[in-house]
Each structure stands twice: as C-alpha cells, then as structure tokens.
Amino acid sequence: MSELLLAFAVGGAMCLLAQLVLDISRLTPAHVMVAFVSLGAVASGMGLYEFLVDLGGAGALIPLPAFGHALVQGIVEEVAKEGPIGLLTGGMRAVALGLTVAVLSGLAMALLFDPRG
C-alpha cells in the first residue's frame, strides 16, 4: 500500500508542478511538455531521476519527464554497446514502443471520433 501512495505522491507532484507552471506563467502546454521532457533528460543525465523512479515507481515512470529519462538511458546503454553510433540510435530504440502506441492510439481516436471546435 505504501508503494501505491508513493507512486501517487510522486506522479501527482509532477502533475501539480506542471499545472502550476501553466496557470502562473504564459507558457503554452507545448512549452511545458518540452520543458518537462527536457528536465527529465537532464535529471537522468545527472543521475537524479533514478532516485524518483526508486521512490515513486510508476508515479515517476508515467509522466512526461520519464520520456526524457528513457531517451537518456537508451543513449547511455547504446553508447556502451555500440560506441558513438549509440548517440543516434539509443534514444529512439528505447522509446520506440511508447511512440508507436501513442501514434496508433491517436490515429484510432481520430478515426473513431469527430472532434469539436
């Protein structure tokens, strides 16, 4: 039960922070998304994001900063295996499944529903 609460607290804190940035600043949702992915990548590169993953589990692995974390971890692993070419291939290899699911889900929603506005 404590793992569930920690996941909720970590993920909720990230979402709260993003919402506060949107409400307080003049940044658009696109700016905030890019900022959070970038912050996740920087935190991962500095070795800080792994602490959040250990603490919050899925609460740290689901929000946007986790995408940046996955990119960096993929690059690090590929560079260790393949050398410098891993800088180009590692990130995409690490997030390919998530991107594929997102694109196919978006396509399915576009075909099934008629957006308003």
PDB file of N, CA and C in Angstrom:
ATOM      1  N   MET A   1       0.825  -1.190   0.000  1.00  0.00           N
ATOM      2  CA  MET A   1       0.000   0.000   0.000  1.00  0.00           C
ATOM      3  C   MET A   1       0.877   1.264   0.000  1.00  0.00           C
ATOM      4  N   SER A   2       2.017   1.206   0.685  1.00  0.00           N
ATOM      5  CA  SER A   2       2.877   2.382   0.728  1.00  0.00           C
ATOM      6  C   SER A   2       3.466   2.689  -0.649  1.00  0.00           C
ATOM      7  N   GLU A   3       3.730   1.639  -1.466  1.00  0.00           N
ATOM      8  CA  GLU A   3       4.247   1.862  -2.817  1.00  0.00           C
ATOM      9  C   GLU A   3       3.221   2.599  -3.659  1.00  0.00           C
ATOM     10  N   LEU A   4       1.957   2.244  -3.502  1.00  0.00           N
ATOM     11  CA  LEU A   4       0.880   2.906  -4.231  1.00  0.00           C
ATOM     12  C   LEU A   4       0.797   4.375  -3.845  1.00  0.00           C
ATOM     13  N   LEU A   5       0.867   4.646  -2.564  1.00  0.00           N
ATOM     14  CA  LEU A   5       0.795   6.032  -2.092  1.00  0.00           C
ATOM     15  C   LEU A   5       1.999   6.853  -2.565  1.00  0.00           C
ATOM     16  N   LEU A   6       3.185   6.247  -2.548  1.00  0.00           N
ATOM     17  CA  LEU A   6       4.371   6.958  -3.033  1.00  0.00           C
ATOM     18  C   LEU A   6       4.277   7.236  -4.531  1.00  0.00           C
ATOM     19  N   ALA A   7       3.779   6.270  -5.297  1.00  0.00           N
ATOM     20  CA  ALA A   7       3.605   6.476  -6.738  1.00  0.00           C
ATOM     21  C   ALA A   7       2.621   7.611  -6.983  1.00  0.00           C
ATOM     22  N   PHE A   8       1.528   7.626  -6.232  1.00  0.00           N
ATOM     23  CA  PHE A   8       0.541   8.692  -6.365  1.00  0.00           C
ATOM     24  C   PHE A   8       1.142  10.044  -5.984  1.00  0.00           C
ATOM     25  N   ALA A   9       1.918  10.075  -4.922  1.00  0.00           N
ATOM     26  CA  ALA A   9       2.514  11.336  -4.464  1.00  0.00           C
ATOM     27  C   ALA A   9       3.543  11.863  -5.455  1.00  0.00           C
ATOM     28  N   VAL A  10       4.405  10.997  -5.976  1.00  0.00           N
ATOM     29  CA  VAL A  10       5.444  11.446  -6.912  1.00  0.00           C
ATOM     30  C   VAL A  10       4.817  11.888  -8.228  1.00  0.00           C
ATOM     31  N   GLY A  11       3.956  11.050  -8.796  1.00  0.00           N
ATOM     32  CA  GLY A  11       3.290  11.411 -10.051  1.00  0.00           C
ATOM     33  C   GLY A  11       2.402  12.634  -9.884  1.00  0.00           C
ATOM     34  N   GLY A  12       1.684  12.694  -8.773  1.00  0.00           N
ATOM     35  CA  GLY A  12       0.823  13.837  -8.504  1.00  0.00           C
ATOM     36  C   GLY A  12       1.606  15.125  -8.331  1.00  0.00           C
ATOM     37  N   ALA A  13       2.772  15.043  -7.697  1.00  0.00           N
ATOM     38  CA  ALA A  13       3.609  16.239  -7.523  1.00  0.00           C
ATOM     39  C   ALA A  13       4.102  16.761  -8.873  1.00  0.00           C
ATOM     40  N   MET A  14       4.468  15.841  -9.773  1.00  0.00           N
ATOM     41  CA  MET A  14       4.896  16.274 -11.106  1.00  0.00           C
ATOM     42  C   MET A  14       3.751  16.937 -11.860  1.00  0.00           C
ATOM     43  N   CYS A  15       2.570  16.343 -11.781  1.00  0.00           N
ATOM     44  CA  CYS A  15       1.408  16.917 -12.462  1.00  0.00           C
ATOM     45  C   CYS A  15       1.019  18.259 -11.849  1.00  0.00           C
ATOM     46  N   LEU A  16       1.092  18.358 -10.535  1.00  0.00           N
ATOM     47  CA  LEU A  16       0.797  19.613  -9.860  1.00  0.00           C
ATOM     48  C   LEU A  16       1.766  20.701 -10.290  1.00  0.00           C
ATOM     49  N   LEU A  17       3.041  20.353 -10.371  1.00  0.00           N
ATOM     50  CA  LEU A  17       4.050  21.319 -10.800  1.00  0.00           C
ATOM     51  C   LEU A  17       3.777  21.794 -12.229  1.00  0.00           C
ATOM     52  N   ALA A  18       3.444  20.866 -13.105  1.00  0.00           N
ATOM     53  CA  ALA A  18       3.141  21.241 -14.488  1.00  0.00           C
ATOM     54  C   ALA A  18       1.918  22.155 -14.555  1.00  0.00           C
ATOM     55  N   GLN A  19       0.889  21.831 -13.777  1.00  0.00           N
ATOM     56  CA  GLN A  19      -0.314  22.662 -13.779  1.00  0.00           C
ATOM     57  C   GLN A  19      -0.036  24.048 -13.218  1.00  0.00           C
ATOM     58  N   LEU A  20       0.777  24.123 -12.187  1.00  0.00           N
ATOM     59  CA  LEU A  20       1.141  25.435 -11.634  1.00  0.00           C
ATOM     60  C   LEU A  20       1.900  26.274 -12.654  1.00  0.00           C
ATOM     61  N   VAL A  21       2.820  25.640 -13.379  1.00  0.00           N
ATOM     62  CA  VAL A  21       3.563  26.368 -14.413  1.00  0.00           C
ATOM     63  C   VAL A  21       2.603  26.885 -15.475  1.00  0.00           C
ATOM     64  N   LEU A  22       1.640  26.076 -15.875  1.00  0.00           N
ATOM     65  CA  LEU A  22       0.661  26.511 -16.867  1.00  0.00           C
ATOM     66  C   LEU A  22      -0.197  27.661 -16.350  1.00  0.00           C
ATOM     67  N   ASP A  23      -0.617  27.575 -15.087  1.00  0.00           N
ATOM     68  CA  ASP A  23      -1.501  28.595 -14.519  1.00  0.00           C
ATOM     69  C   ASP A  23      -0.790  29.905 -14.224  1.00  0.00           C
ATOM     70  N   ILE A  24       0.464  29.827 -13.808  1.00  0.00           N
ATOM     71  CA  ILE A  24       1.175  31.026 -13.361  1.00  0.00           C
ATOM     72  C   ILE A  24       1.904  31.729 -14.496  1.00  0.00           C
ATOM     73  N   SER A  25       2.431  30.972 -15.423  1.00  0.00           N
ATOM     74  CA  SER A  25       3.225  31.571 -16.499  1.00  0.00           C
ATOM     75  C   SER A  25       2.394  31.750 -17.765  1.00  0.00           C
ATOM     76  N   ARG A  26       3.018  32.324 -18.755  1.00  0.00           N
ATOM     77  CA  ARG A  26       2.375  32.494 -20.056  1.00  0.00           C
ATOM     78  C   ARG A  26       2.798  31.393 -21.033  1.00  0.00           C
ATOM     79  N   LEU A  27       3.416  30.349 -20.512  1.00  0.00           N
ATOM     80  CA  LEU A  27       3.859  29.253 -21.364  1.00  0.00           C
ATOM     81  C   LEU A  27       2.659  28.460 -21.875  1.00  0.00           C
ATOM     82  N   THR A  28       2.771  27.985 -23.091  1.00  0.00           N
ATOM     83  CA  THR A  28       1.726  27.145 -23.662  1.00  0.00           C
ATOM     84  C   THR A  28       1.924  25.702 -23.197  1.00  0.00           C
ATOM     85  N   PRO A  29       0.900  24.862 -23.345  1.00  0.00           N
ATOM     86  CA  PRO A  29       1.076  23.457 -22.993  1.00  0.00           C
ATOM     87  C   PRO A  29       2.240  22.800 -23.745  1.00  0.00           C
ATOM     88  N   ALA A  30       2.459  23.200 -24.984  1.00  0.00           N
ATOM     89  CA  ALA A  30       3.581  22.635 -25.745  1.00  0.00           C
ATOM     90  C   ALA A  30       4.918  23.004 -25.106  1.00  0.00           C
ATOM     91  N   HIS A  31       5.051  24.247 -24.662  1.00  0.00           N
ATOM     92  CA  HIS A  31       6.283  24.671 -23.994  1.00  0.00           C
ATOM     93  C   HIS A  31       6.514  23.865 -22.716  1.00  0.00           C
ATOM     94  N   VAL A  32       5.448  23.662 -21.958  1.00  0.00           N
ATOM     95  CA  VAL A  32       5.574  22.931 -20.691  1.00  0.00           C
ATOM     96  C   VAL A  32       5.934  21.473 -20.959  1.00  0.00           C
ATOM     97  N   MET A  33       5.335  20.879 -21.987  1.00  0.00           N
ATOM     98  CA  MET A  33       5.669  19.488 -22.322  1.00  0.00           C
ATOM     99  C   MET A  33       7.140  19.353 -22.675  1.00  0.00           C
ATOM    100  N   VAL A  34       7.630  20.231 -23.522  1.00  0.00           N
ATOM    101  CA  VAL A  34       9.046  20.175 -23.919  1.00  0.00           C
ATOM    102  C   VAL A  34       9.940  20.425 -22.713  1.00  0.00           C
ATOM    103  N   ALA A  35       9.564  21.366 -21.870  1.00  0.00           N
ATOM    104  CA  ALA A  35      10.365  21.662 -20.681  1.00  0.00           C
ATOM    105  C   ALA A  35      10.431  20.455 -19.752  1.00  0.00           C
ATOM    106  N   PHE A  36       9.322  19.775 -19.554  1.00  0.00           N
ATOM    107  CA  PHE A  36       9.316  18.638 -18.639  1.00  0.00           C
ATOM    108  C   PHE A  36      10.081  17.449 -19.206  1.00  0.00           C
ATOM    109  N   VAL A  37       9.973  17.203 -20.506  1.00  0.00           N
ATOM    110  CA  VAL A  37      10.771  16.137 -21.110  1.00  0.00           C
ATOM    111  C   VAL A  37      12.256  16.480 -20.987  1.00  0.00           C
ATOM    112  N   SER A  38      12.596  17.738 -21.240  1.00  0.00           N
ATOM    113  CA  SER A  38      13.993  18.169 -21.135  1.00  0.00           C
ATOM    114  C   SER A  38      14.506  18.068 -19.704  1.00  0.00           C
ATOM    115  N   LEU A  39      13.691  18.472 -18.753  1.00  0.00           N
ATOM    116  CA  LEU A  39      14.092  18.365 -17.342  1.00  0.00           C
ATOM    117  C   LEU A  39      14.295  16.902 -16.942  1.00  0.00           C
ATOM    118  N   GLY A  40      13.442  16.022 -17.441  1.00  0.00           N
ATOM    119  CA  GLY A  40      13.623  14.596 -17.164  1.00  0.00           C
ATOM    120  C   GLY A  40      14.922  14.075 -17.741  1.00  0.00           C
ATOM    121  N   ALA A  41      15.267  14.536 -18.947  1.00  0.00           N
ATOM    122  CA  ALA A  41      16.518  14.115 -19.582  1.00  0.00           C
ATOM    123  C   ALA A  41      17.720  14.625 -18.802  1.00  0.00           C
ATOM    124  N   VAL A  42      17.676  15.882 -18.401  1.00  0.00           N
ATOM    125  CA  VAL A  42      18.789  16.466 -17.637  1.00  0.00           C
ATOM    126  C   VAL A  42      18.930  15.758 -16.283  1.00  0.00           C
ATOM    127  N   ALA A  43      17.800  15.552 -15.608  1.00  0.00           N
ATOM    128  CA  ALA A  43      17.850  14.869 -14.307  1.00  0.00           C
ATOM    129  C   ALA A  43      18.376  13.444 -14.455  1.00  0.00           C
ATOM    130  N   SER A  44      18.010  12.781 -15.544  1.00  0.00           N
ATOM    131  CA  SER A  44      18.512  11.433 -15.784  1.00  0.00           C
ATOM    132  C   SER A  44      20.011  11.446 -16.059  1.00  0.00           C
ATOM    133  N   GLY A  45      20.451  12.395 -16.860  1.00  0.00           N
ATOM    134  CA  GLY A  45      21.870  12.509 -17.164  1.00  0.00           C
ATOM    135  C   GLY A  45      22.710  12.803 -15.937  1.00  0.00           C
ATOM    136  N   MET A  46      22.133  13.510 -14.985  1.00  0.00           N
ATOM    137  CA  MET A  46      22.844  13.830 -13.749  1.00  0.00           C
ATOM    138  C   MET A  46      22.701  12.722 -12.703  1.00  0.00           C
ATOM    139  N   GLY A  47      21.924  11.685 -13.024  1.00  0.00           N
ATOM    140  CA  GLY A  47      21.725  10.584 -12.087  1.00  0.00           C
ATOM    141  C   GLY A  47      20.684  10.836 -11.024  1.00  0.00           C
ATOM    142  N   LEU A  48      19.882  11.888 -11.172  1.00  0.00           N
ATOM    143  CA  LEU A  48      18.888  12.237 -10.163  1.00  0.00           C
ATOM    144  C   LEU A  48      17.534  11.568 -10.398  1.00  0.00           C
ATOM    145  N   TYR A  49      17.205  11.298 -11.648  1.00  0.00           N
ATOM    146  CA  TYR A  49      15.865  10.769 -11.934  1.00  0.00           C
ATOM    147  C   TYR A  49      15.696   9.342 -11.420  1.00  0.00           C
ATOM    148  N   GLU A  50      16.779   8.611 -11.374  1.00  0.00           N
ATOM    149  CA  GLU A  50      16.698   7.230 -10.879  1.00  0.00           C
ATOM    150  C   GLU A  50      16.200   7.192  -9.434  1.00  0.00           C
ATOM    151  N   PHE A  51      16.543   8.212  -8.652  1.00  0.00           N
ATOM    152  CA  PHE A  51      16.036   8.308  -7.277  1.00  0.00           C
ATOM    153  C   PHE A  51      14.515   8.402  -7.280  1.00  0.00           C
ATOM    154  N   LEU A  52      13.953   9.220  -8.184  1.00  0.00           N
ATOM    155  CA  LEU A  52      12.498   9.336  -8.276  1.00  0.00           C
ATOM    156  C   LEU A  52      11.861   8.017  -8.695  1.00  0.00           C
ATOM    157  N   VAL A  53      12.512   7.310  -9.615  1.00  0.00           N
ATOM    158  CA  VAL A  53      11.989   6.012 -10.055  1.00  0.00           C
ATOM    159  C   VAL A  53      12.009   5.022  -8.894  1.00  0.00           C
ATOM    160  N   ASP A  54      13.086   5.002  -8.141  1.00  0.00           N
ATOM    161  CA  ASP A  54      13.170   4.105  -6.979  1.00  0.00           C
ATOM    162  C   ASP A  54      12.126   4.472  -5.927  1.00  0.00           C
ATOM    163  N   LEU A  55      11.884   5.753  -5.753  1.00  0.00           N
ATOM    164  CA  LEU A  55      10.935   6.226  -4.752  1.00  0.00           C
ATOM    165  C   LEU A  55       9.494   6.033  -5.200  1.00  0.00           C
ATOM    166  N   GLY A  56       9.178   6.491  -6.414  1.00  0.00           N
ATOM    167  CA  GLY A  56       7.787   6.535  -6.840  1.00  0.00           C
ATOM    168  C   GLY A  56       7.360   5.491  -7.845  1.00  0.00           C
ATOM    169  N   GLY A  57       8.247   4.655  -8.316  1.00  0.00           N
ATOM    170  CA  GLY A  57       7.867   3.607  -9.260  1.00  0.00           C
ATOM    171  C   GLY A  57       7.143   4.168 -10.470  1.00  0.00           C
ATOM    172  N   ALA A  58       5.943   3.655 -10.727  1.00  0.00           N
ATOM    173  CA  ALA A  58       5.164   4.085 -11.884  1.00  0.00           C
ATOM    174  C   ALA A  58       4.806   5.566 -11.804  1.00  0.00           C
ATOM    175  N   GLY A  59       4.741   6.111 -10.621  1.00  0.00           N
ATOM    176  CA  GLY A  59       4.467   7.541 -10.478  1.00  0.00           C
ATOM    177  C   GLY A  59       5.543   8.393 -11.106  1.00  0.00           C
ATOM    178  N   ALA A  60       6.747   7.851 -11.236  1.00  0.00           N
ATOM    179  CA  ALA A  60       7.847   8.569 -11.886  1.00  0.00           C
ATOM    180  C   ALA A  60       8.062   8.086 -13.315  1.00  0.00           C
ATOM    181  N   LEU A  61       7.538   6.909 -13.651  1.00  0.00           N
ATOM    182  CA  LEU A  61       7.780   6.343 -14.981  1.00  0.00           C
ATOM    183  C   LEU A  61       6.678   6.674 -15.993  1.00  0.00           C
ATOM    184  N   ILE A  62       5.562   7.224 -15.551  1.00  0.00           N
ATOM    185  CA  ILE A  62       4.459   7.528 -16.456  1.00  0.00           C
ATOM    186  C   ILE A  62       4.469   8.985 -16.937  1.00  0.00           C
ATOM    187  N   PRO A  63       4.699   9.992 -16.081  1.00  0.00           N
ATOM    188  CA  PRO A  63       4.624  11.387 -16.543  1.00  0.00           C
ATOM    189  C   PRO A  63       5.686  11.740 -17.588  1.00  0.00           C
ATOM    190  N   LEU A  64       5.541  12.898 -18.185  1.00  0.00           N
ATOM    191  CA  LEU A  64       6.419  13.345 -19.264  1.00  0.00           C
ATOM    192  C   LEU A  64       7.912  13.320 -18.966  1.00  0.00           C
ATOM    193  N   PRO A  65       8.371  13.685 -17.788  1.00  0.00           N
ATOM    194  CA  PRO A  65       9.827  13.628 -17.563  1.00  0.00           C
ATOM    195  C   PRO A  65      10.409  12.230 -17.780  1.00  0.00           C
ATOM    196  N   ALA A  66       9.600  11.207 -17.623  1.00  0.00           N
ATOM    197  CA  ALA A  66      10.078   9.842 -17.828  1.00  0.00           C
ATOM    198  C   ALA A  66      10.459   9.591 -19.283  1.00  0.00           C
ATOM    199  N   PHE A  67       9.846  10.323 -20.212  1.00  0.00           N
ATOM    200  CA  PHE A  67      10.209  10.178 -21.623  1.00  0.00           C
ATOM    201  C   PHE A  67      11.648  10.645 -21.832  1.00  0.00           C
ATOM    202  N   GLY A  68      11.993  11.784 -21.244  1.00  0.00           N
ATOM    203  CA  GLY A  68      13.372  12.268 -21.318  1.00  0.00           C
ATOM    204  C   GLY A  68      14.332  11.311 -20.637  1.00  0.00           C
ATOM    205  N   HIS A  69      13.912  10.764 -19.508  1.00  0.00           N
ATOM    206  CA  HIS A  69      14.722   9.782 -18.785  1.00  0.00           C
ATOM    207  C   HIS A  69      14.971   8.553 -19.661  1.00  0.00           C
ATOM    208  N   ALA A  70      13.929   8.062 -20.321  1.00  0.00           N
ATOM    209  CA  ALA A  70      14.076   6.881 -21.179  1.00  0.00           C
ATOM    210  C   ALA A  70      15.003   7.162 -22.358  1.00  0.00           C
ATOM    211  N   LEU A  71      14.901   8.360 -22.938  1.00  0.00           N
ATOM    212  CA  LEU A  71      15.793   8.727 -24.041  1.00  0.00           C
ATOM    213  C   LEU A  71      17.251   8.673 -23.596  1.00  0.00           C
ATOM    214  N   VAL A  72      17.546   9.296 -22.479  1.00  0.00           N
ATOM    215  CA  VAL A  72      18.925   9.360 -21.997  1.00  0.00           C
ATOM    216  C   VAL A  72      19.436   7.974 -21.625  1.00  0.00           C
ATOM    217  N   GLN A  73      18.617   7.181 -20.939  1.00  0.00           N
ATOM    218  CA  GLN A  73      19.051   5.844 -20.554  1.00  0.00           C
ATOM    219  C   GLN A  73      19.293   4.963 -21.782  1.00  0.00           C
ATOM    220  N   GLY A  74      18.456   5.117 -22.802  1.00  0.00           N
ATOM    221  CA  GLY A  74      18.663   4.380 -24.043  1.00  0.00           C
ATOM    222  C   GLY A  74      19.965   4.768 -24.722  1.00  0.00           C
ATOM    223  N   ILE A  75      20.257   6.053 -24.728  1.00  0.00           N
ATOM    224  CA  ILE A  75      21.507   6.535 -25.325  1.00  0.00           C
ATOM    225  C   ILE A  75      22.710   5.991 -24.558  1.00  0.00           C
ATOM    226  N   VAL A  76      22.648   6.064 -23.241  1.00  0.00           N
ATOM    227  CA  VAL A  76      23.765   5.573 -22.409  1.00  0.00           C
ATOM    228  C   VAL A  76      24.010   4.085 -22.674  1.00  0.00           C
ATOM    229  N   GLU A  77      22.939   3.292 -22.718  1.00  0.00           N
ATOM    230  CA  GLU A  77      23.091   1.849 -22.949  1.00  0.00           C
ATOM    231  C   GLU A  77      23.645   1.556 -24.341  1.00  0.00           C
ATOM    232  N   GLU A  78      23.146   2.250 -25.357  1.00  0.00           N
ATOM    233  CA  GLU A  78      23.608   2.006 -26.722  1.00  0.00           C
ATOM    234  C   GLU A  78      25.053   2.451 -26.934  1.00  0.00           C
ATOM    235  N   VAL A  79      25.440   3.557 -26.326  1.00  0.00           N
ATOM    236  CA  VAL A  79      26.827   4.008 -26.444  1.00  0.00           C
ATOM    237  C   VAL A  79      27.757   2.982 -25.810  1.00  0.00           C
ATOM    238  N   ALA A  80      27.329   2.395 -24.685  1.00  0.00           N
ATOM    239  CA  ALA A  80      28.159   1.370 -24.036  1.00  0.00           C
ATOM    240  C   ALA A  80      28.295   0.128 -24.919  1.00  0.00           C
ATOM    241  N   LYS A  81      27.230  -0.214 -25.661  1.00  0.00           N
ATOM    242  CA  LYS A  81      27.259  -1.413 -26.512  1.00  0.00           C
ATOM    243  C   LYS A  81      27.895  -1.159 -27.875  1.00  0.00           C
ATOM    244  N   GLU A  82      27.448  -0.081 -28.538  1.00  0.00           N
ATOM    245  CA  GLU A  82      27.787   0.138 -29.945  1.00  0.00           C
ATOM    246  C   GLU A  82      28.801   1.247 -30.181  1.00  0.00           C
ATOM    247  N   GLY A  83      29.110   2.024 -29.163  1.00  0.00           N
ATOM    248  CA  GLY A  83      30.021   3.146 -29.348  1.00  0.00           C
ATOM    249  C   GLY A  83      29.269   4.414 -29.733  1.00  0.00           C
ATOM    250  N   PRO A  84      29.939   5.347 -30.389  1.00  0.00           N
ATOM    251  CA  PRO A  84      29.350   6.657 -30.694  1.00  0.00           C
ATOM    252  C   PRO A  84      28.063   6.608 -31.509  1.00  0.00           C
ATOM    253  N   ILE A  85      27.853   5.581 -32.310  1.00  0.00           N
ATOM    254  CA  ILE A  85      26.617   5.495 -33.093  1.00  0.00           C
ATOM    255  C   ILE A  85      25.401   5.389 -32.169  1.00  0.00           C
ATOM    256  N   GLY A  86      25.623   4.951 -30.939  1.00  0.00           N
ATOM    257  CA  GLY A  86      24.550   4.861 -29.954  1.00  0.00           C
ATOM    258  C   GLY A  86      23.938   6.204 -29.608  1.00  0.00           C
ATOM    259  N   LEU A  87      24.688   7.291 -29.842  1.00  0.00           N
ATOM    260  CA  LEU A  87      24.126   8.627 -29.635  1.00  0.00           C
ATOM    261  C   LEU A  87      22.939   8.870 -30.547  1.00  0.00           C
ATOM    262  N   LEU A  88      22.967   8.283 -31.730  1.00  0.00           N
ATOM    263  CA  LEU A  88      21.894   8.476 -32.698  1.00  0.00           C
ATOM    264  C   LEU A  88      20.794   7.428 -32.579  1.00  0.00           C
ATOM    265  N   THR A  89      21.153   6.220 -32.207  1.00  0.00           N
ATOM    266  CA  THR A  89      20.181   5.131 -32.221  1.00  0.00           C
ATOM    267  C   THR A  89      19.580   4.805 -30.859  1.00  0.00           C
ATOM    268  N   GLY A  90      20.274   5.077 -29.797  1.00  0.00           N
ATOM    269  CA  GLY A  90      19.852   4.627 -28.469  1.00  0.00           C
ATOM    270  C   GLY A  90      18.546   5.206 -27.984  1.00  0.00           C
ATOM    271  N   GLY A  91      18.371   6.494 -28.134  1.00  0.00           N
ATOM    272  CA  GLY A  91      17.156   7.136 -27.643  1.00  0.00           C
ATOM    273  C   GLY A  91      15.918   6.634 -28.355  1.00  0.00           C
ATOM    274  N   MET A  92      16.000   6.547 -29.665  1.00  0.00           N
ATOM    275  CA  MET A  92      14.830   6.110 -30.424  1.00  0.00           C
ATOM    276  C   MET A  92      14.525   4.637 -30.168  1.00  0.00           C
ATOM    277  N   ARG A  93      15.546   3.845 -30.015  1.00  0.00           N
ATOM    278  CA  ARG A  93      15.328   2.422 -29.730  1.00  0.00           C
ATOM    279  C   ARG A  93      14.633   2.259 -28.379  1.00  0.00           C
ATOM    280  N   ALA A  94      14.992   3.095 -27.424  1.00  0.00           N
ATOM    281  CA  ALA A  94      14.432   2.975 -26.080  1.00  0.00           C
ATOM    282  C   ALA A  94      12.971   3.404 -25.998  1.00  0.00           C
ATOM    283  N   VAL A  95      12.550   4.342 -26.842  1.00  0.00           N
ATOM    284  CA  VAL A  95      11.184   4.864 -26.743  1.00  0.00           C
ATOM    285  C   VAL A  95      10.303   4.468 -27.925  1.00  0.00           C
ATOM    286  N   ALA A  96      10.789   3.590 -28.781  1.00  0.00           N
ATOM    287  CA  ALA A  96      10.043   3.237 -29.995  1.00  0.00           C
ATOM    288  C   ALA A  96       8.660   2.664 -29.683  1.00  0.00           C
ATOM    289  N   LEU A  97       8.556   1.771 -28.725  1.00  0.00           N
ATOM    290  CA  LEU A  97       7.264   1.166 -28.412  1.00  0.00           C
ATOM    291  C   LEU A  97       6.279   2.228 -27.921  1.00  0.00           C
ATOM    292  N   GLY A  98       6.718   3.074 -27.005  1.00  0.00           N
ATOM    293  CA  GLY A  98       5.832   4.120 -26.482  1.00  0.00           C
ATOM    294  C   GLY A  98       5.364   5.070 -27.577  1.00  0.00           C
ATOM    295  N   LEU A  99       6.261   5.458 -28.469  1.00  0.00           N
ATOM    296  CA  LEU A  99       5.878   6.340 -29.571  1.00  0.00           C
ATOM    297  C   LEU A  99       4.905   5.651 -30.517  1.00  0.00           C
ATOM    298  N   THR A 100       5.131   4.381 -30.800  1.00  0.00           N
ATOM    299  CA  THR A 100       4.236   3.641 -31.684  1.00  0.00           C
ATOM    300  C   THR A 100       2.833   3.554 -31.092  1.00  0.00           C
ATOM    301  N   VAL A 101       2.735   3.244 -29.818  1.00  0.00           N
ATOM    302  CA  VAL A 101       1.432   3.167 -29.158  1.00  0.00           C
ATOM    303  C   VAL A 101       0.741   4.532 -29.176  1.00  0.00           C
ATOM    304  N   ALA A 102       1.481   5.597 -28.925  1.00  0.00           N
ATOM    305  CA  ALA A 102       0.894   6.936 -28.923  1.00  0.00           C
ATOM    306  C   ALA A 102       0.365   7.313 -30.306  1.00  0.00           C
ATOM    307  N   VAL A 103       1.148   7.046 -31.342  1.00  0.00           N
ATOM    308  CA  VAL A 103       0.719   7.384 -32.701  1.00  0.00           C
ATOM    309  C   VAL A 103      -0.496   6.559 -33.107  1.00  0.00           C
ATOM    310  N   LEU A 104      -0.463   5.259 -32.852  1.00  0.00           N
ATOM    311  CA  LEU A 104      -1.594   4.410 -33.230  1.00  0.00           C
ATOM    312  C   LEU A 104      -2.850   4.734 -32.421  1.00  0.00           C
ATOM    313  N   SER A 105      -2.686   5.076 -31.154  1.00  0.00           N
ATOM    314  CA  SER A 105      -3.843   5.485 -30.339  1.00  0.00           C
ATOM    315  C   SER A 105      -4.439   6.786 -30.858  1.00  0.00           C
ATOM    316  N   GLY A 106      -3.577   7.728 -31.207  1.00  0.00           N
ATOM    317  CA  GLY A 106      -4.056   8.985 -31.778  1.00  0.00           C
ATOM    318  C   GLY A 106      -4.789   8.772 -33.093  1.00  0.00           C
ATOM    319  N   LEU A 107      -4.257   7.902 -33.927  1.00  0.00           N
ATOM    320  CA  LEU A 107      -4.914   7.580 -35.193  1.00  0.00           C
ATOM    321  C   LEU A 107      -6.273   6.939 -34.955  1.00  0.00           C
ATOM    322  N   ALA A 108      -6.338   5.988 -34.026  1.00  0.00           N
ATOM    323  CA  ALA A 108      -7.610   5.331 -33.717  1.00  0.00           C
ATOM    324  C   ALA A 108      -8.641   6.330 -33.208  1.00  0.00           C
ATOM    325  N   MET A 109      -8.234   7.238 -32.333  1.00  0.00           N
ATOM    326  CA  MET A 109      -9.165   8.238 -31.808  1.00  0.00           C
ATOM    327  C   MET A 109      -9.636   9.187 -32.912  1.00  0.00           C
ATOM    328  N   ALA A 110      -8.730   9.549 -33.820  1.00  0.00           N
ATOM    329  CA  ALA A 110      -9.099  10.434 -34.927  1.00  0.00           C
ATOM    330  C   ALA A 110     -10.091   9.761 -35.865  1.00  0.00           C
ATOM    331  N   LEU A 111      -9.955   8.466 -36.057  1.00  0.00           N
ATOM    332  CA  LEU A 111     -10.872   7.746 -36.937  1.00  0.00           C
ATOM    333  C   LEU A 111     -12.214   7.455 -36.272  1.00  0.00           C
ATOM    334  N   LEU A 112     -12.216   7.249 -34.959  1.00  0.00           N
ATOM    335  CA  LEU A 112     -13.439   6.888 -34.255  1.00  0.00           C
ATOM    336  C   LEU A 112     -14.304   8.075 -33.860  1.00  0.00           C
ATOM    337  N   PHE A 113     -13.683   9.218 -33.588  1.00  0.00           N
ATOM    338  CA  PHE A 113     -14.440  10.346 -33.046  1.00  0.00           C
ATOM    339  C   PHE A 113     -14.301  11.576 -33.934  1.00  0.00           C
ATOM    340  N   ASP A 114     -15.325  12.419 -33.866  1.00  0.00           N
ATOM    341  CA  ASP A 114     -15.330  13.673 -34.612  1.00  0.00           C
ATOM    342  C   ASP A 114     -15.036  14.809 -33.629  1.00  0.00           C
ATOM    343  N   PRO A 115     -13.873  15.424 -33.742  1.00  0.00           N
ATOM    344  CA  PRO A 115     -13.549  16.483 -32.774  1.00  0.00           C
ATOM    345  C   PRO A 115     -14.425  17.713 -32.964  1.00  0.00           C
ATOM    346  N   ARG A 116     -14.716  18.356 -31.857  1.00  0.00           N
ATOM    347  CA  ARG A 116     -15.492  19.601 -31.908  1.00  0.00           C
ATOM    348  C   ARG A 116     -14.545  20.770 -31.729  1.00  0.00           C
ATOM    349  N   GLY A 117     -14.954  21.910 -32.288  1.00  0.00           N
ATOM    350  CA  GLY A 117     -14.170  23.117 -32.075  1.00  0.00           C
ATOM    351  C   GLY A 117     -13.489  23.500 -33.291  1.00  0.00           C
TER     352      GLY A 117
END
